[in-house]
C-alpha cells in the first residue's frame, strides 16, 4: 500500500493505532524502519516494498528475538494492516 504522495526519505506513518517510523521509497516502507502494532509488538529492521525482512521483533511479554521474515508477505492486505501472526517468519533466534 503506497502512502499518498509517493513519499521518499525518512518519515512517520500512523493509522488505527499502528505506526511506522523510518525510510520510505515511492510511498512504501523501504530500508530501515520500526513498525509498532497497537498490541505493543514491534519490529525494528529492514523493509522491502512494505515487506518486513530481518531485524528484531519485540513481543508483548517483553521478549526480543532476531527474526527473518520471508520478505514476500506485505504488511498490508489491501488497505488493512495484517497482524503479526499473519507474517511468515522463516528464521528465529
Protein backbone atom coordinates (compact mmCIF):
# COMPACT_ATOMS: atom_id res chain seq x y z
CA UNK A 1 0.00 0.00 0.00
CA UNK A 2 1.69 3.17 -1.13
CA UNK A 3 1.36 6.23 1.03
CA UNK A 4 -0.29 9.08 -0.86
CA UNK A 5 2.18 11.50 -2.37
CA UNK A 6 4.94 8.95 -3.09
CA UNK A 7 6.97 9.88 -0.04
CA UNK A 8 10.75 9.40 -0.30
CA UNK A 9 13.21 9.63 2.60
CA UNK A 10 12.64 9.48 6.34
CA UNK A 11 9.19 9.92 7.77
CA UNK A 12 6.41 8.69 10.04
CA UNK A 13 3.10 6.97 9.24
CA UNK A 14 0.23 6.28 11.68
CA UNK A 15 -3.17 4.65 11.30
CA UNK A 16 -5.60 2.96 13.69
CA UNK A 17 -3.00 2.56 16.45
CA UNK A 18 -0.32 1.23 14.08
CA UNK A 19 2.79 3.30 13.43
CA UNK A 20 5.94 3.20 11.31
CA UNK A 21 8.95 5.44 11.58
CA UNK A 22 11.78 5.09 9.12
CA UNK A 23 12.63 5.21 5.45
CA UNK A 24 10.20 5.40 2.55
CA UNK A 25 10.72 4.94 -1.17
CA UNK A 26 7.95 5.72 -3.65
CA UNK A 27 5.50 5.81 -0.73
CA UNK A 28 6.42 2.32 0.59
CA UNK A 29 8.25 1.22 3.74
CA UNK A 30 11.79 0.68 2.41
CA UNK A 31 15.18 0.29 4.09
CA UNK A 32 15.37 0.65 7.88
CA UNK A 33 12.34 1.32 9.98
CA UNK A 34 10.34 0.47 13.09
CA UNK A 35 6.73 -0.69 12.92
CA UNK A 36 4.53 -0.92 16.01
CA UNK A 37 1.19 -2.71 16.25
CA UNK A 38 -1.46 -1.45 18.71
CA UNK A 39 -0.92 -4.69 20.68
CA UNK A 40 2.52 -3.40 21.76
CA UNK A 41 4.50 -5.72 19.50
CA UNK A 42 7.09 -4.07 17.27
CA UNK A 43 9.56 -4.89 14.53
CA UNK A 44 12.75 -2.88 14.03
CA UNK A 45 14.65 -3.85 10.93
CA UNK A 46 14.87 -3.85 7.17
CA UNK A 47 11.93 -3.43 4.80
CA UNK A 48 11.47 -4.05 1.08
CA UNK A 49 8.35 -2.51 -0.52
CA UNK A 50 6.23 -2.85 2.67
CA UNK A 51 7.54 -6.39 3.36
CA UNK A 52 9.50 -6.87 6.60
CA UNK A 53 12.82 -8.67 6.05
CA UNK A 54 15.17 -9.17 9.02
CA UNK A 55 15.54 -7.47 12.37
CA UNK A 56 14.43 -7.50 15.99
CA UNK A 57 10.91 -8.47 16.99
CA UNK A 58 9.71 -7.26 20.40
CA UNK A 59 6.73 -9.17 21.78
CA UNK A 60 4.01 -8.20 24.27
CA UNK A 61 5.74 -10.11 27.09
CA UNK A 62 8.90 -8.01 26.68
CA UNK A 63 10.93 -10.71 24.95
CA UNK A 64 13.05 -9.71 21.97
CA UNK A 65 14.30 -12.05 19.27
CA UNK A 66 16.12 -11.71 16.00
CA UNK A 67 13.92 -12.86 13.13
CA UNK A 68 13.96 -13.16 9.37
CA UNK A 69 10.62 -12.90 7.59
CA UNK A 70 10.03 -14.46 4.17
CA UNK A 71 10.34 -10.97 2.66
CA UNK A 72 7.44 -11.53 0.27
CA UNK A 73 4.46 -11.06 2.58
CA UNK A 74 3.46 -7.39 2.70
CA UNK A 75 2.34 -5.71 5.89
CA UNK A 76 -0.85 -4.66 4.14
CA UNK A 77 -3.81 -6.68 2.87
CA UNK A 78 -5.42 -4.08 0.66
CA UNK A 79 -5.67 -1.06 2.93
CA UNK A 80 -5.68 -3.11 6.16
CA UNK A 81 -2.60 -3.80 8.29
CA UNK A 82 -2.04 -7.52 8.88
CA UNK A 83 -1.42 -8.89 12.35
CA UNK A 84 1.98 -10.22 13.35
CA UNK A 85 0.77 -13.84 13.21
CA UNK A 86 -0.08 -13.40 9.50
CA UNK A 87 3.56 -12.63 8.62
CA UNK A 88 5.79 -15.60 7.79
CA UNK A 89 8.90 -15.95 9.97
CA UNK A 90 11.45 -18.22 8.26
CA UNK A 91 14.24 -17.92 10.85
CA UNK A 92 14.21 -17.03 14.52
CA UNK A 93 16.99 -16.88 17.04
